[in-house]
């Protein structure tokens, strides 16, 4: 009898929009560092409306910790709100900073 293949670890993917004083305060760089340290894949970018948008994917507990960290942000940020919605998982890969949209 052969053993069943182990199930792939569960993953969660969430898109987040962060508003407040989140541009010009190193929010994207902080997000890349923090998400990378948590082992997440995805991306972060500034939006022309002044918000920061991100996609976080990885182990559910790490995604949840990242979202909680986003509510504080780096020390110079003043986060007013974080709005999230489920997203498609981009798969494994580095967490990257993208161009403004």
C-alpha atoms as a PDB file:
ATOM      1  CA  UNK A   1       0.000   0.000   0.000  1.00  0.00           C
ATOM      2  CA  UNK A   2       1.381   3.420  -0.908  1.00  0.00           C
ATOM      3  CA  UNK A   3       0.903   6.539   1.159  1.00  0.00           C
ATOM      4  CA  UNK A   4      -1.291   9.278  -0.226  1.00  0.00           C
ATOM      5  CA  UNK A   5       0.502  12.380  -1.478  1.00  0.00           C
ATOM      6  CA  UNK A   6       0.475  15.089   1.178  1.00  0.00           C
ATOM      7  CA  UNK A   7      -1.983  17.867   0.546  1.00  0.00           C
ATOM      8  CA  UNK A   8      -0.485  21.172  -0.451  1.00  0.00           C
ATOM      9  CA  UNK A   9      -0.456  23.639   2.439  1.00  0.00           C
ATOM     10  CA  UNK A  10      -3.514  25.914   2.354  1.00  0.00           C
ATOM     11  CA  UNK A  11      -3.026  29.420   0.986  1.00  0.00           C
ATOM     12  CA  UNK A  12      -5.022  32.610   1.197  1.00  0.00           C
ATOM     13  CA  UNK A  13      -4.959  35.539  -1.220  1.00  0.00           C
ATOM     14  CA  UNK A  14      -6.330  38.996  -0.440  1.00  0.00           C
ATOM     15  CA  UNK A  15      -6.294  42.323  -2.266  1.00  0.00           C
ATOM     16  CA  UNK A  16      -6.042  45.337   0.045  1.00  0.00           C
ATOM     17  CA  UNK A  17      -6.493  49.081  -0.412  1.00  0.00           C
ATOM     18  CA  UNK A  18      -4.862  51.222   2.255  1.00  0.00           C
ATOM     19  CA  UNK A  19      -5.912  54.860   2.630  1.00  0.00           C
ATOM     20  CA  UNK A  20      -4.645  57.756   4.713  1.00  0.00           C
ATOM     21  CA  UNK A  21      -1.172  59.279   4.661  1.00  0.00           C
ATOM     22  CA  UNK A  22       0.394  56.261   2.947  1.00  0.00           C
ATOM     23  CA  UNK A  23       2.326  57.763   0.034  1.00  0.00           C
ATOM     24  CA  UNK A  24       5.668  59.478   0.478  1.00  0.00           C
ATOM     25  CA  UNK A  25       6.191  57.749   3.836  1.00  0.00           C
ATOM     26  CA  UNK A  26       8.004  54.577   2.676  1.00  0.00           C
ATOM     27  CA  UNK A  27       4.811  52.488   2.846  1.00  0.00           C
ATOM     28  CA  UNK A  28       5.607  50.425  -0.274  1.00  0.00           C
ATOM     29  CA  UNK A  29       9.181  49.674   0.804  1.00  0.00           C
ATOM     30  CA  UNK A  30       7.993  48.724   4.277  1.00  0.00           C
ATOM     31  CA  UNK A  31       5.332  46.480   2.716  1.00  0.00           C
ATOM     32  CA  UNK A  32       7.897  44.667   0.539  1.00  0.00           C
ATOM     33  CA  UNK A  33      10.136  44.057   3.562  1.00  0.00           C
ATOM     34  CA  UNK A  34       7.314  42.985   5.880  1.00  0.00           C
ATOM     35  CA  UNK A  35       5.565  40.712   3.359  1.00  0.00           C
ATOM     36  CA  UNK A  36       8.892  39.163   2.386  1.00  0.00           C
ATOM     37  CA  UNK A  37       9.724  38.443   6.017  1.00  0.00           C
ATOM     38  CA  UNK A  38       6.354  36.687   6.368  1.00  0.00           C
ATOM     39  CA  UNK A  39       7.035  34.554   3.273  1.00  0.00           C
ATOM     40  CA  UNK A  40       4.228  36.084   1.220  1.00  0.00           C
ATOM     41  CA  UNK A  41       4.023  36.462  -2.541  1.00  0.00           C
ATOM     42  CA  UNK A  42       2.238  39.273  -4.360  1.00  0.00           C
ATOM     43  CA  UNK A  43       2.808  42.965  -4.990  1.00  0.00           C
ATOM     44  CA  UNK A  44       2.257  46.525  -3.767  1.00  0.00           C
ATOM     45  CA  UNK A  45       1.785  49.771  -5.691  1.00  0.00           C
ATOM     46  CA  UNK A  46       0.720  53.376  -5.236  1.00  0.00           C
ATOM     47  CA  UNK A  47      -2.555  54.460  -6.787  1.00  0.00           C
ATOM     48  CA  UNK A  48      -3.163  57.814  -8.421  1.00  0.00           C
ATOM     49  CA  UNK A  49      -5.996  58.431  -5.907  1.00  0.00           C
ATOM     50  CA  UNK A  50      -3.451  58.546  -3.037  1.00  0.00           C
ATOM     51  CA  UNK A  51      -4.083  55.024  -1.730  1.00  0.00           C
ATOM     52  CA  UNK A  52      -1.748  52.044  -1.699  1.00  0.00           C
ATOM     53  CA  UNK A  53      -2.985  48.775  -3.228  1.00  0.00           C
ATOM     54  CA  UNK A  54      -1.511  45.350  -2.508  1.00  0.00           C
ATOM     55  CA  UNK A  55      -2.069  41.670  -3.175  1.00  0.00           C
ATOM     56  CA  UNK A  56      -0.939  39.310  -0.413  1.00  0.00           C
ATOM     57  CA  UNK A  57      -0.829  35.525  -0.853  1.00  0.00           C
ATOM     58  CA  UNK A  58       0.514  32.749   1.327  1.00  0.00           C
ATOM     59  CA  UNK A  59      -0.293  30.858   4.510  1.00  0.00           C
ATOM     60  CA  UNK A  60      -3.559  32.201   5.967  1.00  0.00           C
ATOM     61  CA  UNK A  61      -2.023  33.165   9.320  1.00  0.00           C
ATOM     62  CA  UNK A  62       0.789  35.102   7.601  1.00  0.00           C
ATOM     63  CA  UNK A  63      -1.697  36.964   5.369  1.00  0.00           C
ATOM     64  CA  UNK A  64      -3.764  37.855   8.434  1.00  0.00           C
ATOM     65  CA  UNK A  65      -0.642  39.119  10.262  1.00  0.00           C
ATOM     66  CA  UNK A  66       0.284  41.227   7.223  1.00  0.00           C
ATOM     67  CA  UNK A  67      -3.174  42.794   7.066  1.00  0.00           C
ATOM     68  CA  UNK A  68      -2.973  43.646  10.766  1.00  0.00           C
ATOM     69  CA  UNK A  69       0.475  45.204  10.217  1.00  0.00           C
ATOM     70  CA  UNK A  70      -0.945  47.241   7.308  1.00  0.00           C
ATOM     71  CA  UNK A  71      -3.362  48.913   9.722  1.00  0.00           C
ATOM     72  CA  UNK A  72      -0.313  50.447  11.443  1.00  0.00           C
ATOM     73  CA  UNK A  73       2.180  50.733   8.560  1.00  0.00           C
ATOM     74  CA  UNK A  74       5.630  52.291   8.881  1.00  0.00           C
ATOM     75  CA  UNK A  75       6.176  54.916  11.573  1.00  0.00           C
ATOM     76  CA  UNK A  76       5.614  57.938   9.274  1.00  0.00           C
ATOM     77  CA  UNK A  77       2.297  56.618   7.917  1.00  0.00           C
ATOM     78  CA  UNK A  78      -1.137  57.550   9.196  1.00  0.00           C
ATOM     79  CA  UNK A  79      -3.465  54.748   8.075  1.00  0.00           C
ATOM     80  CA  UNK A  80      -7.119  55.723   7.940  1.00  0.00           C
ATOM     81  CA  UNK A  81      -8.585  52.477   6.562  1.00  0.00           C
ATOM     82  CA  UNK A  82      -7.726  49.089   5.081  1.00  0.00           C
ATOM     83  CA  UNK A  83     -10.352  47.567   2.788  1.00  0.00           C
ATOM     84  CA  UNK A  84      -9.901  43.974   1.621  1.00  0.00           C
ATOM     85  CA  UNK A  85     -11.473  41.442  -0.705  1.00  0.00           C
ATOM     86  CA  UNK A  86     -10.566  37.859  -1.644  1.00  0.00           C
ATOM     87  CA  UNK A  87      -8.256  37.590  -4.655  1.00  0.00           C
ATOM     88  CA  UNK A  88      -6.886  34.976  -7.029  1.00  0.00           C
ATOM     89  CA  UNK A  89      -3.669  33.430  -5.731  1.00  0.00           C
ATOM     90  CA  UNK A  90      -0.740  34.457  -7.956  1.00  0.00           C
ATOM     91  CA  UNK A  91       1.223  31.394  -6.763  1.00  0.00           C
ATOM     92  CA  UNK A  92       4.642  31.266  -5.219  1.00  0.00           C
ATOM     93  CA  UNK A  93       7.109  33.979  -6.090  1.00  0.00           C
ATOM     94  CA  UNK A  94       8.744  37.070  -4.682  1.00  0.00           C
ATOM     95  CA  UNK A  95       6.806  39.958  -3.207  1.00  0.00           C
ATOM     96  CA  UNK A  96       7.427  42.960  -5.469  1.00  0.00           C
ATOM     97  CA  UNK A  97       6.835  46.668  -5.788  1.00  0.00           C
ATOM     98  CA  UNK A  98       4.962  47.712  -8.932  1.00  0.00           C
ATOM     99  CA  UNK A  99       4.509  50.987 -10.768  1.00  0.00           C
ATOM    100  CA  UNK A 100       1.772  53.439  -9.817  1.00  0.00           C
ATOM    101  CA  UNK A 101      -1.641  53.047 -11.464  1.00  0.00           C
END
